[in-house]
Amino acid sequence: FSATGNRAIAPTLWPGGLGRSETCGIDLQVRDDWRYIPETLDDMCEWAAVGCDDVDDPTFERDRRYLLYHPSVVPTEYLGVDCRVTVVLQGFLGAFQLSTLGNWKGREKDAARAVQYLVLESGGCTEAFQAQTRALENLKRFICMKVGSSANDREYGGDSIYLERLVFTKVRAVSDRASFIELDDRTDPRRNARKIAHRWGINHVVQTGARRANGENTSIALEALRVGDFVEVSVSADITAVRRGGRGGGGGGTVVRFGMHEVVRLWTAEEAQVWVVGMRMCANAHRDCIHRRVGLVPTARRRDAQRKKSWLRCHQGSA
């Protein structure tokens, strides 16, 4: 999880218990350094490192790198092991495409650019959401400092977070084909992906689930997710260096993506809406209480009261 300056995890910042922090499985106050995303680039250098694929294949047009925990912060039992940084985000589900083939239209020439994507939205809960966007922006800045400027100029801020993950992986002579998933008529209904499986493979599936009352997750069908659901998404940084060969290629660039591993529904859209409406009613009631204490009336109500007084004066005068 991302955390605030006082190391309170982001789920605790969602109002009214919306983030279900009691079911997240870790302390609400971050104690281990490796769980806390630093807020400065200098501190980030002691917390993270950038690793790459073990195999260097010059015929492959991409070099993939990953954000890893720095050896100085990983728990003792993981020393000597490359541990990828995984960040857990929460928000309201916006537009998404998480099917196995993502937004791929079936043409091989588009396989390299096909993605699965998901948009998280704040729903007006800015404090919790901005803690997450700051963490992602800090991670991206660190990565870009290590590998060079990013060809993806997307900045993480505002009221939405765009996440995406490449669908296909190029099949190389040294590829571990056992890591590729086996497609069938359900995941590849037109058999287009199977036709190019000797050149492009898929090595992941975005898992989807729902949080039960006891805090455990149960798997659900992708189709059960709806826009407006309040979800928890685990992501990691995928750093892709693209080499553009050929005449006028002019080198390449680096793209930093935060790709999804798992999407867990915490509340359905209907349940989340009840929370939001309830929170707004409580906020309005609290505001009105404060106004009454200091002798103020909200502007709209003050206008209504003034109109009523004018109407009464007019009718009393005519009487």
Protein backbone atom coordinates (compact mmCIF):
# COMPACT_ATOMS: atom_id res chain seq x y z
CA PHE A 1 0.00 0.00 0.00
CA SER A 2 1.01 3.60 -0.43
CA ALA A 3 1.22 5.50 2.83
CA THR A 4 0.97 9.06 4.05
CA GLY A 5 3.69 11.11 5.70
CA ASN A 6 2.78 9.65 9.10
CA ARG A 7 2.88 6.15 7.57
CA ALA A 8 -0.85 5.53 7.80
CA ILE A 9 -1.82 3.26 4.91
CA ALA A 10 -3.99 4.81 2.20
CA PRO A 11 -7.06 2.58 2.87
CA THR A 12 -7.48 4.31 6.25
CA LEU A 13 -7.91 7.67 4.50
CA TRP A 14 -11.09 6.74 2.63
CA PRO A 15 -14.03 8.20 4.56
CA GLY A 16 -16.54 6.06 6.39
CA GLY A 17 -14.52 2.84 6.19
CA LEU A 18 -14.87 2.71 2.40
CA GLY A 19 -11.30 1.37 2.03
CA ARG A 20 -12.01 -1.63 4.31
CA SER A 21 -8.62 -1.14 5.95
CA GLU A 22 -9.44 -3.77 8.58
CA THR A 23 -9.32 -6.46 5.87
CA CYS A 24 -6.09 -5.44 4.13
CA GLY A 25 -3.95 -7.91 6.05
CA ILE A 26 -1.24 -5.52 7.28
CA ASP A 27 -0.87 -3.04 10.12
CA LEU A 28 -2.73 0.21 9.61
CA GLN A 29 0.47 2.04 10.56
CA VAL A 30 3.46 1.06 8.39
CA ARG A 31 6.37 -0.19 10.50
CA ASP A 32 8.58 -1.93 7.92
CA ASP A 33 10.60 0.39 5.69
CA TRP A 34 10.08 -1.79 2.64
CA ARG A 35 6.31 -1.26 2.84
CA TYR A 36 6.60 2.53 2.82
CA ILE A 37 7.12 4.34 -0.50
CA PRO A 38 9.61 7.19 0.15
CA GLU A 39 8.53 10.71 -0.66
CA THR A 40 11.89 12.00 -1.97
CA LEU A 41 14.14 10.78 -4.78
CA ASP A 42 17.11 10.68 -2.42
CA ASP A 43 15.33 8.29 -0.05
CA MET A 44 14.05 6.30 -3.02
CA CYS A 45 17.65 5.45 -3.98
CA GLU A 46 18.00 3.50 -0.72
CA TRP A 47 14.64 1.79 -1.17
CA ALA A 48 14.39 0.65 -4.79
CA ALA A 49 16.47 -0.50 -7.73
CA VAL A 50 15.81 -1.25 -11.39
CA GLY A 51 16.44 -4.80 -12.62
CA CYS A 52 16.13 -6.38 -16.05
CA ASP A 53 15.54 -9.70 -17.78
CA ASP A 54 18.35 -12.19 -17.25
CA VAL A 55 18.69 -12.88 -20.98
CA ASP A 56 20.00 -10.24 -23.36
CA ASP A 57 18.75 -11.00 -26.85
CA PRO A 58 19.98 -8.39 -29.37
CA THR A 59 17.39 -9.54 -31.93
CA PHE A 60 14.55 -8.56 -29.61
CA GLU A 61 13.21 -5.06 -30.10
CA ARG A 62 12.40 -4.47 -26.43
CA ASP A 63 14.32 -4.61 -23.19
CA ARG A 64 12.05 -5.08 -20.19
CA ARG A 65 13.05 -3.86 -16.80
CA TYR A 66 11.36 -4.01 -13.43
CA LEU A 67 11.24 -2.01 -10.23
CA LEU A 68 12.78 -4.05 -7.41
CA TYR A 69 13.23 -3.55 -3.69
CA HIS A 70 16.73 -2.44 -2.74
CA PRO A 71 18.62 -5.27 -0.96
CA SER A 72 19.05 -3.05 2.11
CA VAL A 73 15.30 -2.98 2.88
CA VAL A 74 14.05 -6.47 1.99
CA PRO A 75 13.31 -8.86 4.87
CA THR A 76 16.13 -11.25 5.75
CA GLU A 77 14.36 -14.29 4.29
CA TYR A 78 14.35 -12.64 0.84
CA LEU A 79 18.01 -11.62 0.68
CA GLY A 80 19.57 -12.67 -2.61
CA VAL A 81 16.17 -12.77 -4.33
CA ASP A 82 14.96 -10.11 -6.77
CA CYS A 83 11.68 -8.92 -5.22
CA ARG A 84 9.49 -6.80 -7.49
CA VAL A 85 7.75 -3.81 -5.94
CA THR A 86 3.97 -4.26 -5.91
CA VAL A 87 1.72 -1.33 -5.04
CA VAL A 88 -1.90 -1.73 -3.95
CA LEU A 89 -4.29 1.02 -5.08
CA GLN A 90 -7.95 1.67 -4.34
CA GLY A 91 -10.62 3.68 -6.10
CA PHE A 92 -13.85 3.67 -8.06
CA LEU A 93 -13.72 1.60 -11.22
CA GLY A 94 -13.92 3.66 -14.40
CA ALA A 95 -13.50 2.43 -17.97
CA PHE A 96 -11.70 -0.92 -18.18
CA GLN A 97 -10.74 -3.69 -20.59
CA LEU A 98 -9.27 -6.68 -18.78
CA SER A 99 -10.09 -9.57 -21.11
CA THR A 100 -7.21 -11.88 -22.02
CA LEU A 101 -6.69 -10.18 -25.41
CA GLY A 102 -7.36 -6.66 -24.11
CA ASN A 103 -8.06 -4.13 -26.85
CA TRP A 104 -6.37 -6.22 -29.56
CA LYS A 105 -8.38 -6.31 -32.82
CA GLY A 106 -6.83 -9.49 -34.19
CA ARG A 107 -4.13 -8.12 -36.51
CA GLU A 108 -0.58 -9.30 -35.91
CA LYS A 109 0.89 -5.89 -36.72
CA ASP A 110 -0.98 -4.47 -33.70
CA ALA A 111 0.07 -7.19 -31.25
CA ALA A 112 3.01 -5.20 -29.87
CA ARG A 113 0.71 -2.31 -28.87
CA ALA A 114 -2.26 -4.27 -27.51
CA VAL A 115 -3.00 -3.51 -23.86
CA GLN A 116 -5.32 -4.31 -21.03
CA TYR A 117 -6.31 -1.13 -19.22
CA LEU A 118 -8.19 0.15 -16.22
CA VAL A 119 -9.06 3.62 -14.94
CA LEU A 120 -9.36 4.29 -11.22
CA GLU A 121 -11.35 7.35 -10.14
CA SER A 122 -11.40 9.28 -6.88
CA GLY A 123 -15.17 9.66 -6.58
CA GLY A 124 -14.51 13.01 -4.91
CA CYS A 125 -12.44 11.47 -2.08
CA THR A 126 -9.32 13.49 -2.78
CA GLU A 127 -7.20 12.87 0.33
CA ALA A 128 -6.91 9.11 -0.05
CA PHE A 129 -6.65 9.26 -3.83
CA GLN A 130 -3.94 11.92 -3.94
CA ALA A 131 -1.79 9.90 -1.52
CA GLN A 132 -1.79 7.19 -4.19
CA THR A 133 -1.12 9.49 -7.15
CA ARG A 134 1.83 11.05 -5.32
CA ALA A 135 3.30 7.61 -4.69
CA LEU A 136 2.97 6.59 -8.36
CA GLU A 137 4.48 9.86 -9.56
CA ASN A 138 7.44 9.44 -7.18
CA LEU A 139 8.03 5.91 -8.44
CA LYS A 140 7.87 7.04 -12.06
CA ARG A 141 10.31 9.90 -11.48
CA PHE A 142 12.78 7.52 -9.84
CA ILE A 143 12.52 5.05 -12.72
CA CYS A 144 12.98 7.77 -15.33
CA MET A 145 16.01 9.05 -13.45
CA LYS A 146 17.53 5.57 -13.60
CA VAL A 147 16.75 4.60 -17.19
CA GLY A 148 16.33 7.94 -18.95
CA SER A 149 13.41 10.12 -19.91
CA SER A 150 10.09 8.42 -20.49
CA ALA A 151 8.39 8.29 -23.86
CA ASN A 152 5.12 8.13 -21.92
CA ASP A 153 4.48 11.64 -20.62
CA ARG A 154 1.47 10.59 -18.57
CA GLU A 155 1.52 12.26 -15.16
CA TYR A 156 -0.20 10.76 -12.16
CA GLY A 157 -2.42 13.34 -10.51
CA GLY A 158 -5.92 14.71 -10.49
CA ASP A 159 -8.99 12.57 -10.00
CA SER A 160 -8.10 9.49 -12.08
CA ILE A 161 -5.29 6.97 -12.52
CA TYR A 162 -4.78 5.18 -15.83
CA LEU A 163 -3.25 1.69 -15.59
CA GLU A 164 -2.29 -0.52 -18.49
CA ARG A 165 -0.45 -3.75 -19.23
CA LEU A 166 0.89 -5.12 -22.49
CA VAL A 167 -1.07 -8.15 -23.68
CA PHE A 168 1.57 -9.97 -25.71
CA THR A 169 5.18 -10.95 -25.13
CA LYS A 170 7.49 -11.58 -28.08
CA VAL A 171 8.47 -15.24 -28.40
CA ARG A 172 12.25 -15.55 -28.50
CA ALA A 173 14.52 -18.50 -29.06
CA VAL A 174 15.36 -18.36 -25.36
CA SER A 175 11.76 -17.87 -24.19
CA ASP A 176 10.36 -20.11 -21.49
CA ARG A 177 7.33 -21.30 -23.43
CA ALA A 178 5.98 -23.02 -20.35
CA SER A 179 5.21 -19.56 -18.93
CA PHE A 180 2.76 -18.77 -21.74
CA ILE A 181 -0.89 -19.51 -21.03
CA GLU A 182 -2.80 -21.92 -23.22
CA LEU A 183 -5.55 -20.16 -25.14
CA ASP A 184 -8.92 -21.72 -25.93
CA ASP A 185 -12.16 -20.78 -27.68
CA ARG A 186 -13.29 -18.81 -24.65
CA THR A 187 -10.19 -16.61 -24.35
CA ASP A 188 -9.45 -16.52 -28.09
CA PRO A 189 -12.85 -16.95 -29.79
CA ARG A 190 -11.62 -16.09 -33.30
CA ARG A 191 -8.37 -18.07 -32.94
CA ASN A 192 -6.38 -15.04 -34.08
CA ALA A 193 -3.98 -15.16 -31.13
CA ARG A 194 -3.34 -18.88 -31.63
CA LYS A 195 -2.41 -18.23 -35.26
CA ILE A 196 0.51 -16.04 -34.17
CA ALA A 197 1.44 -18.02 -31.04
CA HIS A 198 4.81 -18.96 -32.55
CA ARG A 199 5.73 -15.25 -32.56
CA TRP A 200 3.60 -13.70 -29.82
CA GLY A 201 2.55 -15.28 -26.53
CA ILE A 202 0.53 -14.26 -23.47
CA ASN A 203 2.07 -15.00 -20.09
CA HIS A 204 -0.43 -13.52 -17.66
CA VAL A 205 -4.09 -13.22 -16.76
CA VAL A 206 -5.40 -10.33 -14.65
CA GLN A 207 -7.08 -12.04 -11.70
CA THR A 208 -10.48 -10.75 -10.55
CA GLY A 209 -12.06 -11.29 -7.15
CA ALA A 210 -14.32 -9.93 -4.43
CA ARG A 211 -13.60 -9.29 -0.75
CA ARG A 212 -15.74 -11.36 1.60
CA ALA A 213 -16.96 -10.23 5.02
CA ASN A 214 -14.25 -12.33 6.71
CA GLY A 215 -11.52 -10.48 4.80
CA GLU A 216 -10.76 -13.30 2.38
CA ASN A 217 -10.97 -12.89 -1.39
CA THR A 218 -13.04 -15.13 -3.61
CA SER A 219 -12.54 -15.30 -7.36
CA ILE A 220 -15.27 -13.85 -9.57
CA ALA A 221 -15.83 -13.66 -13.31
CA LEU A 222 -14.49 -10.60 -15.09
CA GLU A 223 -18.03 -9.88 -16.29
CA ALA A 224 -19.13 -9.40 -12.66
CA LEU A 225 -17.15 -6.16 -12.41
CA ARG A 226 -19.05 -2.96 -13.17
CA VAL A 227 -18.13 0.67 -13.67
CA GLY A 228 -18.62 2.38 -10.30
CA ASP A 229 -17.50 -0.59 -8.19
CA PHE A 230 -15.03 0.31 -5.45
CA VAL A 231 -11.99 -1.87 -6.08
CA GLU A 232 -8.50 -2.68 -4.88
CA VAL A 233 -5.87 -3.14 -7.60
CA SER A 234 -2.35 -4.54 -7.22
CA VAL A 235 0.11 -3.16 -9.77
CA SER A 236 3.81 -3.19 -10.55
CA ALA A 237 5.99 -1.06 -12.80
CA ASP A 238 6.72 -2.41 -16.28
CA ILE A 239 9.62 -0.50 -17.83
CA THR A 240 9.99 -1.06 -21.56
CA ALA A 241 12.93 0.30 -23.54
CA VAL A 242 12.02 0.33 -27.24
CA ARG A 243 14.76 0.26 -29.84
CA ARG A 244 13.68 1.66 -33.18
CA GLY A 245 15.83 0.20 -35.88
CA GLY A 246 15.91 0.76 -39.60
CA ARG A 247 16.37 3.92 -41.62
CA GLY A 248 15.51 7.00 -39.62
CA GLY A 249 14.93 4.92 -36.51
CA GLY A 250 16.78 7.40 -34.36
CA GLY A 251 17.27 5.17 -31.33
CA GLY A 252 14.22 4.61 -29.14
CA GLY A 253 12.61 5.54 -25.86
CA THR A 254 11.45 4.24 -22.53
CA VAL A 255 7.84 3.69 -21.53
CA VAL A 256 6.84 3.28 -17.88
CA ARG A 257 3.54 1.51 -17.28
CA PHE A 258 1.88 0.39 -14.09
CA GLY A 259 0.31 -2.93 -14.96
CA MET A 260 -2.45 -4.75 -13.13
CA HIS A 261 -2.02 -8.15 -11.48
CA GLU A 262 -5.28 -8.46 -9.57
CA VAL A 263 -8.52 -6.50 -9.24
CA VAL A 264 -10.58 -7.12 -6.10
CA ARG A 265 -14.04 -5.65 -5.65
CA LEU A 266 -14.53 -4.26 -2.15
CA TRP A 267 -18.01 -2.82 -2.73
CA THR A 268 -20.41 -3.05 -5.65
CA ALA A 269 -21.37 0.17 -7.41
CA GLU A 270 -24.70 0.17 -5.58
CA GLU A 271 -23.08 -0.38 -2.19
CA ALA A 272 -20.42 2.23 -2.88
CA GLN A 273 -23.09 4.74 -3.90
CA VAL A 274 -24.85 4.22 -0.57
CA TRP A 275 -21.56 4.96 1.19
CA VAL A 276 -20.95 8.10 -0.87
CA VAL A 277 -24.50 9.44 -0.39
CA GLY A 278 -24.33 8.68 3.32
CA MET A 279 -20.98 10.42 3.68
CA ARG A 280 -22.26 13.50 1.85
CA MET A 281 -25.35 13.64 4.05
CA CYS A 282 -23.17 13.41 7.16
CA ALA A 283 -20.86 16.10 5.80
CA ASN A 284 -23.81 18.38 5.02
CA ALA A 285 -25.30 17.80 8.46
CA HIS A 286 -21.96 18.55 10.08
CA ARG A 287 -21.58 21.72 8.00
CA ASP A 288 -25.08 22.91 8.90
CA CYS A 289 -24.35 22.25 12.56
CA ILE A 290 -21.21 24.38 12.38
CA HIS A 291 -23.10 27.13 10.56
CA ARG A 292 -25.81 27.19 13.21
CA ARG A 293 -23.20 27.44 15.95
CA VAL A 294 -21.57 30.48 14.38
CA GLY A 295 -24.84 32.05 13.25
CA LEU A 296 -24.47 31.31 9.55
CA VAL A 297 -26.89 29.75 7.09
CA PRO A 298 -25.77 28.11 3.81
CA THR A 299 -26.10 30.47 0.86
CA ALA A 300 -28.91 28.57 -0.89
CA ARG A 301 -30.98 28.39 2.28
CA ARG A 302 -30.31 32.05 3.03
CA ARG A 303 -31.65 32.99 -0.40
CA ASP A 304 -34.74 30.85 0.17
CA ALA A 305 -35.33 32.53 3.53
CA GLN A 306 -34.96 35.98 2.01
CA ARG A 307 -37.41 35.15 -0.77
CA LYS A 308 -39.93 33.89 1.77
CA LYS A 309 -39.63 37.10 3.82
CA SER A 310 -40.11 39.23 0.70
CA TRP A 311 -43.19 37.23 -0.28
CA LEU A 312 -44.68 37.65 3.21
CA ARG A 313 -44.02 41.41 3.25
CA CYS A 314 -45.62 41.78 -0.18
CA HIS A 315 -48.77 39.89 0.78
CA GLN A 316 -49.04 41.54 4.19
CA GLY A 317 -48.83 44.96 2.53
CA SER A 318 -51.55 44.08 0.00
CA ALA A 319 -53.78 42.87 2.80
